[in-house]
Structure formats: C-alpha cells, structure tokens
N, C-alpha and C. Protein backbone atom coordinates (compact mmCIF):
# COMPACT_ATOMS: atom_id res chain seq x y z
N MET A 1 0.90 -0.89 -0.22
CA MET A 1 0.04 -0.16 -0.14
C MET A 1 0.84 1.45 -0.06
N ALA A 2 2.09 1.01 0.46
CA ALA A 2 2.96 2.55 0.91
C ALA A 2 3.80 2.72 -0.38
N LYS A 3 3.11 2.18 -1.99
CA LYS A 3 4.05 1.89 -2.94
C LYS A 3 3.45 3.09 -3.85
N PRO A 4 3.91 3.01 -4.72
CA PRO A 4 3.83 4.45 -5.60
C PRO A 4 2.64 4.03 -6.39
N GLY A 5 1.30 4.89 -6.65
CA GLY A 5 0.32 4.24 -7.27
C GLY A 5 -0.71 3.65 -6.93
N PHE A 6 -0.40 2.54 -5.56
CA PHE A 6 -1.52 2.14 -4.26
C PHE A 6 -2.83 3.14 -5.23
N SER A 7 -4.01 2.42 -5.33
CA SER A 7 -5.28 2.80 -4.96
C SER A 7 -5.69 1.92 -4.29
N TRP A 8 -6.43 2.20 -3.21
CA TRP A 8 -7.97 2.30 -2.54
C TRP A 8 -8.69 1.27 -3.47
N PRO A 9 -8.66 0.03 -3.18
CA PRO A 9 -10.18 -0.52 -4.18
C PRO A 9 -11.54 -0.32 -3.04
N ILE A 10 -11.93 -0.07 -4.44
CA ILE A 10 -13.91 0.81 -3.90
C ILE A 10 -14.63 -0.54 -4.38
N CYS A 11 -15.26 -0.65 -3.10
CA CYS A 11 -16.77 -1.33 -3.42
C CYS A 11 -18.08 -0.66 -3.78
N HIS A 12 -18.33 -0.39 -4.93
CA HIS A 12 -19.43 0.52 -5.56
C HIS A 12 -20.57 0.04 -4.55
N GLU A 13 -20.98 -1.68 -5.09
CA GLU A 13 -22.21 -2.04 -3.99
C GLU A 13 -22.71 -1.29 -2.77
N ALA A 14 -21.32 -1.21 -2.16
CA ALA A 14 -21.95 -0.85 -0.74
C ALA A 14 -21.40 0.53 -1.20
N GLU A 15 -21.31 1.43 -1.62
CA GLU A 15 -21.67 3.12 -1.37
C GLU A 15 -20.82 3.95 -0.52
N ALA A 16 -19.30 2.64 0.00
CA ALA A 16 -18.71 3.44 0.84
C ALA A 16 -17.83 3.98 0.00
N GLY A 17 -16.59 4.16 -1.32
CA GLY A 17 -16.03 4.73 -1.27
C GLY A 17 -14.92 4.78 -0.94
N LYS A 18 -14.39 5.99 -0.64
CA LYS A 18 -12.46 5.74 -0.20
C LYS A 18 -12.54 5.90 1.47
N PRO A 19 -11.34 4.79 1.53
CA PRO A 19 -11.40 5.23 3.48
C PRO A 19 -10.88 6.68 3.94
N GLY A 20 -11.97 7.15 4.92
CA GLY A 20 -11.10 8.40 5.25
C GLY A 20 -9.85 8.33 6.36
N TYR A 21 -9.51 9.41 7.08
CA TYR A 21 -8.59 9.58 7.99
C TYR A 21 -8.51 10.61 9.07
N GLU A 22 -8.82 10.23 10.30
CA GLU A 22 -8.89 11.48 11.14
C GLU A 22 -8.25 10.72 12.25
N PRO A 23 -6.84 11.09 12.39
CA PRO A 23 -6.18 10.07 13.24
C PRO A 23 -6.61 10.90 15.05
N TYR A 24 -7.20 12.34 15.16
CA TYR A 24 -6.98 12.30 16.65
C TYR A 24 -8.46 12.18 17.12
N GLU A 25 -8.65 12.14 18.80
CA GLU A 25 -9.68 12.27 19.41
C GLU A 25 -10.71 13.38 18.71
N GLU A 26 -11.90 13.08 19.55
CA GLU A 26 -12.39 14.59 19.79
C GLU A 26 -11.91 15.57 20.99
N CYS A 27 -11.58 16.73 21.44
CA CYS A 27 -10.62 17.41 22.75
C CYS A 27 -11.60 17.17 23.76
N PRO A 28 -11.26 17.03 24.78
CA PRO A 28 -12.53 17.14 25.96
C PRO A 28 -12.90 17.69 26.28
N ALA A 29 -14.59 18.15 27.00
CA ALA A 29 -15.22 18.71 27.44
C ALA A 29 -15.04 20.27 27.16
N GLY A 30 -15.17 21.10 26.75
CA GLY A 30 -14.74 23.04 27.11
C GLY A 30 -13.22 22.93 26.53
N MET A 31 -13.14 22.28 25.54
CA MET A 31 -11.39 22.42 25.45
C MET A 31 -11.69 22.22 23.60
N THR A 32 -10.82 23.04 23.00
CA THR A 32 -11.10 23.27 21.87
C THR A 32 -9.50 22.22 20.93
N ALA A 33 -10.23 22.47 19.93
CA ALA A 33 -9.24 21.80 18.69
C ALA A 33 -8.16 22.59 17.84
N VAL A 34 -7.27 23.14 18.55
CA VAL A 34 -6.14 23.87 17.55
C VAL A 34 -4.66 23.35 16.82
N SER A 35 -3.97 24.15 16.18
CA SER A 35 -2.66 23.46 15.50
C SER A 35 -1.08 24.20 16.51
N SER A 36 -0.88 22.82 16.53
CA SER A 36 0.66 23.42 17.07
C SER A 36 1.79 24.20 16.12
N ARG A 37 0.89 24.10 15.15
CA ARG A 37 2.09 24.16 14.37
C ARG A 37 1.74 25.98 13.70
N THR A 38 3.08 27.20 13.23
CA THR A 38 2.96 27.99 12.82
C THR A 38 2.21 28.03 11.51
N ASP A 39 1.61 28.98 10.48
CA ASP A 39 1.30 29.72 10.12
C ASP A 39 2.10 29.75 8.58
N GLY A 40 2.04 29.17 7.40
CA GLY A 40 2.93 28.09 6.51
C GLY A 40 3.02 26.55 6.62
N ASP A 41 2.99 25.84 7.48
CA ASP A 41 3.33 24.40 8.32
C ASP A 41 2.38 23.80 8.27
N ARG A 42 1.83 23.15 7.01
CA ARG A 42 0.85 22.31 7.39
C ARG A 42 0.95 21.38 7.15
N SER A 43 -0.23 20.31 7.64
CA SER A 43 0.23 18.76 7.16
C SER A 43 0.37 18.39 5.86
N PHE A 44 0.60 17.18 5.65
CA PHE A 44 1.10 15.96 4.90
C PHE A 44 -0.09 16.27 4.03
N LEU A 45 -1.39 16.20 4.74
CA LEU A 45 -2.51 16.36 3.28
C LEU A 45 -2.99 17.53 3.12
N GLY A 46 -2.37 18.94 3.37
CA GLY A 46 -2.24 19.94 3.59
C GLY A 46 -3.10 21.01 3.90
N ARG A 47 -3.88 20.49 4.81
CA ARG A 47 -4.89 20.56 5.56
C ARG A 47 -4.03 20.88 7.12
N ASP A 48 -5.06 22.01 8.19
CA ASP A 48 -4.08 22.47 9.20
C ASP A 48 -4.70 20.83 9.80
N ASP A 49 -3.21 20.38 10.59
CA ASP A 49 -3.39 20.02 11.71
C ASP A 49 -3.69 19.88 12.84
N LYS A 50 -5.19 19.63 13.43
CA LYS A 50 -5.25 20.01 14.60
C LYS A 50 -5.03 18.95 15.65
N ASP A 51 -3.60 19.57 16.05
CA ASP A 51 -3.27 18.05 17.05
C ASP A 51 -2.97 18.60 18.72
N GLN A 52 -3.68 20.00 19.08
CA GLN A 52 -3.91 19.85 20.66
C GLN A 52 -5.36 20.29 20.99
N CYS A 53 -4.98 20.32 22.20
CA CYS A 53 -6.61 20.84 22.96
C CYS A 53 -6.27 22.41 23.51
N THR A 54 -7.22 23.27 23.89
CA THR A 54 -6.67 24.49 24.42
C THR A 54 -8.13 24.99 25.15
N LYS A 55 -8.12 25.72 26.33
CA LYS A 55 -8.75 25.89 27.41
C LYS A 55 -8.14 27.38 27.79
N THR A 56 -9.00 28.35 28.36
CA THR A 56 -9.21 29.71 28.86
C THR A 56 -9.72 29.54 30.18
N VAL A 57 -9.25 29.15 31.07
CA VAL A 57 -9.82 29.84 32.24
C VAL A 57 -9.74 30.48 33.62
N ASN A 58 -9.74 30.81 34.55
CA ASN A 58 -9.65 31.40 35.49
C ASN A 58 -9.28 30.70 36.80
N GLN A 59 -8.11 30.72 36.78
CA GLN A 59 -7.56 29.62 37.96
C GLN A 59 -7.81 30.03 39.28
N CYS A 60 -8.18 31.58 39.47
CA CYS A 60 -8.99 31.84 40.23
C CYS A 60 -10.05 31.78 40.96
N SER A 61 -10.88 31.32 40.54
CA SER A 61 -12.58 30.86 40.51
C SER A 61 -11.72 29.98 41.12
N ASN A 62 -11.52 28.81 41.60
CA ASN A 62 -12.20 27.99 42.24
C ASN A 62 -10.12 27.09 42.26
N ARG A 63 -9.55 27.67 42.80
CA ARG A 63 -7.69 27.11 43.47
C ARG A 63 -8.04 26.51 43.62
N ALA A 64 -8.78 25.28 44.38
CA ALA A 64 -8.38 23.85 44.96
C ALA A 64 -8.29 23.17 43.56
N ALA A 65 -9.59 22.81 42.64
CA ALA A 65 -9.59 22.28 41.86
C ALA A 65 -8.91 22.22 40.53
N PHE A 66 -8.65 23.67 40.42
CA PHE A 66 -6.61 24.17 39.19
C PHE A 66 -5.87 23.37 40.02
N ARG A 67 -5.79 23.40 41.32
CA ARG A 67 -4.37 22.58 41.88
C ARG A 67 -3.75 21.57 41.44
N THR A 68 -6.01 20.96 42.31
CA THR A 68 -5.90 18.91 41.73
C THR A 68 -5.89 18.81 41.01
N GLN A 69 -6.52 19.91 39.54
CA GLN A 69 -6.32 18.60 38.43
C GLN A 69 -4.76 19.67 37.61
N PHE A 70 -4.21 20.75 37.86
CA PHE A 70 -2.85 21.04 36.97
C PHE A 70 -1.65 21.43 37.81
N GLY A 71 -2.33 20.84 39.00
CA GLY A 71 -1.17 21.78 40.30
C GLY A 71 0.69 21.00 40.24
N ASP A 72 0.80 19.50 39.39
CA ASP A 72 1.56 18.83 39.61
C ASP A 72 2.54 19.08 38.33
N ALA A 73 3.62 19.48 38.46
CA ALA A 73 4.62 20.09 37.03
C ALA A 73 4.98 19.12 36.52
N ARG A 74 5.27 18.22 36.75
CA ARG A 74 5.52 16.56 36.45
C ARG A 74 5.10 16.18 36.29
N GLU A 75 3.63 15.94 36.31
CA GLU A 75 2.51 15.34 35.57
C GLU A 75 2.23 16.32 34.56
N ASN A 76 2.40 17.31 35.63
CA ASN A 76 1.80 17.95 33.51
C ASN A 76 2.66 17.91 31.86
N GLU A 77 3.97 17.84 33.01
CA GLU A 77 5.06 17.96 31.88
C GLU A 77 4.74 16.09 30.86
N ARG A 78 4.89 15.45 31.89
CA ARG A 78 4.58 13.55 31.93
C ARG A 78 3.61 14.05 30.33
N LYS A 79 2.38 14.92 30.74
CA LYS A 79 0.98 14.75 29.63
C LYS A 79 1.42 15.42 28.74
N GLY A 80 2.22 16.57 28.53
CA GLY A 80 2.04 17.26 27.76
C GLY A 80 1.62 18.71 27.30
N VAL A 81 0.80 18.91 28.90
CA VAL A 81 0.68 20.13 29.49
C VAL A 81 0.72 21.00 29.97
N THR A 82 0.74 22.20 29.18
CA THR A 82 1.40 23.31 29.68
C THR A 82 0.33 24.55 29.84
N ILE A 83 0.64 25.19 30.88
CA ILE A 83 -0.23 26.59 31.28
C ILE A 83 0.50 27.93 30.85
N ARG A 84 -0.24 29.20 30.52
CA ARG A 84 0.25 30.00 29.38
C ARG A 84 -0.97 31.14 30.59
N GLN A 85 0.00 31.91 31.36
CA GLN A 85 -0.42 32.94 32.22
C GLN A 85 -0.87 34.41 31.02
N ILE A 86 -2.10 34.44 30.82
CA ILE A 86 -2.69 35.65 29.61
C ILE A 86 -2.15 36.60 30.48
N ASN A 87 -1.72 38.12 29.85
CA ASN A 87 -1.32 39.26 30.42
C ASN A 87 -2.16 40.04 29.84
N GLN A 88 -3.33 40.62 30.70
CA GLN A 88 -4.71 41.50 30.64
C GLN A 88 -4.36 42.81 30.25
N ASN A 89 -2.85 43.05 30.70
CA ASN A 89 -2.60 44.27 30.38
C ASN A 89 -4.00 45.51 30.25
N ASN A 90 -4.41 45.24 31.79
CA ASN A 90 -5.36 46.46 32.59
C ASN A 90 -4.60 46.81 33.37
N ASP A 91 -3.13 47.25 33.67
CA ASP A 91 -2.63 47.33 35.18
C ASP A 91 -3.74 49.30 35.55
N ASN A 92 -4.27 49.72 34.21
CA ASN A 92 -4.86 51.31 35.00
C ASN A 92 -6.25 51.19 35.31
N ASP A 93 -6.67 49.48 35.27
CA ASP A 93 -8.05 48.81 35.85
C ASP A 93 -7.45 48.51 36.93
N VAL A 94 -7.75 48.96 38.15
CA VAL A 94 -7.66 48.24 39.72
C VAL A 94 -8.96 47.41 40.50
N PHE A 95 -9.99 47.33 38.71
CA PHE A 95 -11.39 46.80 39.07
C PHE A 95 -11.19 45.77 38.96
N ASN A 96 -10.01 45.59 37.92
CA ASN A 96 -9.65 44.31 37.13
C ASN A 96 -9.26 42.55 38.30
N ARG A 97 -10.10 42.39 38.37
CA ARG A 97 -10.26 41.43 39.70
C ARG A 97 -9.71 40.04 38.89
N ASP A 98 -9.87 39.58 37.65
CA ASP A 98 -9.31 38.60 36.78
C ASP A 98 -8.46 39.13 36.21
N ASN A 99 -7.08 40.17 36.43
CA ASN A 99 -5.48 39.90 35.89
C ASN A 99 -4.76 39.24 36.84
N GLY A 100 -4.19 38.21 36.17
CA GLY A 100 -3.29 37.55 36.79
C GLY A 100 -4.28 36.42 37.07
N CYS A 101 -5.05 36.50 36.56
CA CYS A 101 -6.16 34.87 36.80
C CYS A 101 -5.90 33.84 35.73
N MET A 102 -6.23 34.73 34.72
CA MET A 102 -6.42 33.53 33.38
C MET A 102 -5.11 32.77 33.10
N VAL A 103 -5.10 31.51 32.70
CA VAL A 103 -4.26 31.24 31.69
C VAL A 103 -5.50 30.29 31.06
N GLN A 104 -4.04 30.03 29.57
CA GLN A 104 -4.50 29.10 28.90
C GLN A 104 -3.46 27.87 28.97
N ILE A 105 -4.38 26.65 28.24
CA ILE A 105 -3.85 25.62 29.39
C ILE A 105 -4.41 24.66 27.88
N THR A 106 -2.79 23.95 27.42
CA THR A 106 -2.65 23.21 26.16
C THR A 106 -2.32 21.88 26.45
N GLN A 107 -3.02 21.04 25.96
CA GLN A 107 -2.84 19.76 26.04
C GLN A 107 -2.72 18.92 24.60
N PRO A 108 -1.66 17.75 24.21
CA PRO A 108 -2.22 16.81 23.29
C PRO A 108 -3.26 16.61 23.35
N ARG A 109 -3.78 16.31 21.63
CA ARG A 109 -5.22 15.97 21.07
C ARG A 109 -4.51 14.00 21.29
N PRO A 110 -6.44 13.59 22.11
CA PRO A 110 -5.69 12.26 22.34
C PRO A 110 -5.91 11.94 20.83
N ARG A 111 -4.93 10.42 20.45
CA ARG A 111 -4.86 10.27 19.15
C ARG A 111 -6.03 9.20 18.85
N ARG A 112 -6.82 8.82 18.13
CA ARG A 112 -7.81 7.61 17.79
C ARG A 112 -6.69 6.28 17.89
N ALA A 113 -6.85 5.38 18.04
CA ALA A 113 -6.91 3.95 18.22
C ALA A 113 -7.21 3.40 16.88
N ASP A 114 -8.31 3.82 16.40
CA ASP A 114 -8.96 3.19 14.84
C ASP A 114 -9.07 4.56 13.67
N PRO A 115 -7.61 4.64 13.32
CA PRO A 115 -7.76 6.31 12.44
C PRO A 115 -8.59 6.65 11.25
N TYR A 116 -8.59 4.95 10.32
CA TYR A 116 -9.43 5.39 9.22
C TYR A 116 -10.73 4.74 9.42
N TYR A 117 -11.33 4.73 8.31
CA TYR A 117 -13.23 4.64 8.60
C TYR A 117 -13.35 4.93 6.79
N PHE A 118 -14.84 4.08 6.78
CA PHE A 118 -15.71 4.09 6.45
C PHE A 118 -16.59 4.74 6.55
N ASP A 119 -17.56 4.96 6.33
CA ASP A 119 -19.29 5.68 6.03
C ASP A 119 -20.27 4.76 4.71
N ILE A 120 -20.07 3.90 5.91
CA ILE A 120 -21.11 2.67 5.12
C ILE A 120 -22.25 2.65 5.43
N PRO A 121 -23.39 2.80 4.34
CA PRO A 121 -25.02 3.27 4.53
C PRO A 121 -25.60 1.68 5.18
N ASN A 122 -26.63 2.03 5.89
CA ASN A 122 -26.93 1.12 6.03
C ASN A 122 -28.60 0.60 5.32
N ASP A 123 -29.38 -0.20 5.90
CA ASP A 123 -30.41 -0.57 5.32
C ASP A 123 -31.40 0.24 4.87
N LYS A 124 -31.38 1.51 5.88
CA LYS A 124 -32.41 2.87 5.44
C LYS A 124 -31.62 3.33 4.86
N GLY A 125 -30.24 3.17 4.66
CA GLY A 125 -30.26 4.28 3.22
C GLY A 125 -29.16 5.21 4.65
N VAL A 126 -28.89 5.24 5.59
CA VAL A 126 -28.29 6.41 6.62
C VAL A 126 -26.78 5.68 6.73
N LYS A 127 -25.58 6.16 6.22
CA LYS A 127 -24.43 6.57 6.54
C LYS A 127 -24.12 6.14 8.11
N GLN A 128 -23.27 5.38 8.25
CA GLN A 128 -22.47 4.49 9.60
C GLN A 128 -20.88 4.52 9.12
N ARG A 129 -20.42 5.36 10.04
CA ARG A 129 -19.36 5.37 9.94
C ARG A 129 -18.26 4.29 11.29
N THR A 130 -17.55 3.36 10.07
CA THR A 130 -16.87 2.31 10.58
C THR A 130 -15.54 2.00 10.53
N TRP A 131 -14.92 2.02 12.20
CA TRP A 131 -13.34 2.59 12.11
C TRP A 131 -12.33 2.12 12.43
N PHE A 132 -11.31 1.35 11.83
CA PHE A 132 -10.86 0.63 11.65
C PHE A 132 -8.51 1.05 12.10
N ASN A 133 -7.95 -0.03 11.80
CA ASN A 133 -6.65 0.55 11.81
C ASN A 133 -5.96 -0.21 11.09
N LEU A 134 -4.88 -0.35 10.50
CA LEU A 134 -4.40 -0.43 9.23
C LEU A 134 -3.06 -1.52 10.60
N ASN A 135 -2.56 -0.91 10.87
CA ASN A 135 -1.28 -1.65 11.77
C ASN A 135 -1.75 -2.41 12.56
N ASP A 136 -2.78 -3.11 12.84
CA ASP A 136 -3.03 -4.78 13.01
C ASP A 136 -2.44 -5.91 11.90
C-alpha cells in the first residue's frame, strides 16, 4: 500500500467510497482543537493538523480544583500539558480582579486507536461510520 500508484479498492455496491482518516479523538469537554504548527506549516494532507486541545480558564475562581487538576508540574510535563499566563494588560484597571488569574491550558489531542474509517450506508440508507486500523 505504501508503494507509489497504490489505489484503495472501491466496492461500489456498498457505496462506501474511499476510506477517510482522522488521527485524533475529539478534545475533552470545554476544550477546542488547535494546531501547534505556525502559519505556513501544514500537515502532509495540505490541511491544518489540529493536534492540540486548548481552553482559557480563571485559575482563581476555584483554586483548589485548579491545583488538583494542574498543580503537579511533573505530571503536566509527562502529559504534555502547558499552562500559560494571559497578561490582560489592564494595569490601569484596579477593579479588574481577573488580572493575573486567566491562564491558557494546552495539551496534546488524544490519538485514535483506529484512525481510518468508511462511511457505509445501512439498510435504511443512513451512513454509519466504521473505524479501523491498518497497523493491526
């Protein structure tokens, strides 16, 4: 399959078409998929490779919960989690209590065990996604 000119065999009767490829799971609830790459650096398929999950949180609103989830620097490093302070540049706003509390949390997006799929219509014509892995 890795050789030049390989074409995936298509079963027209099943109306499955060519297989799709999605290497990543959805981000955890409350997080958004983003790319770790800079502008101009695209994936091998020519599209954005959204390989990270990110969210902005107020670490001061519930310090105990934040420390429980993200307080261990070694565990964060092991998991690839980064926490970046967001400087709101509101030094003149003495009423802005969030200044210094907002952080951006970024972590690697979970990879799928089975990243390839076919969308195959069932007996009612509704396409159902069937996932598989070529490495097994």
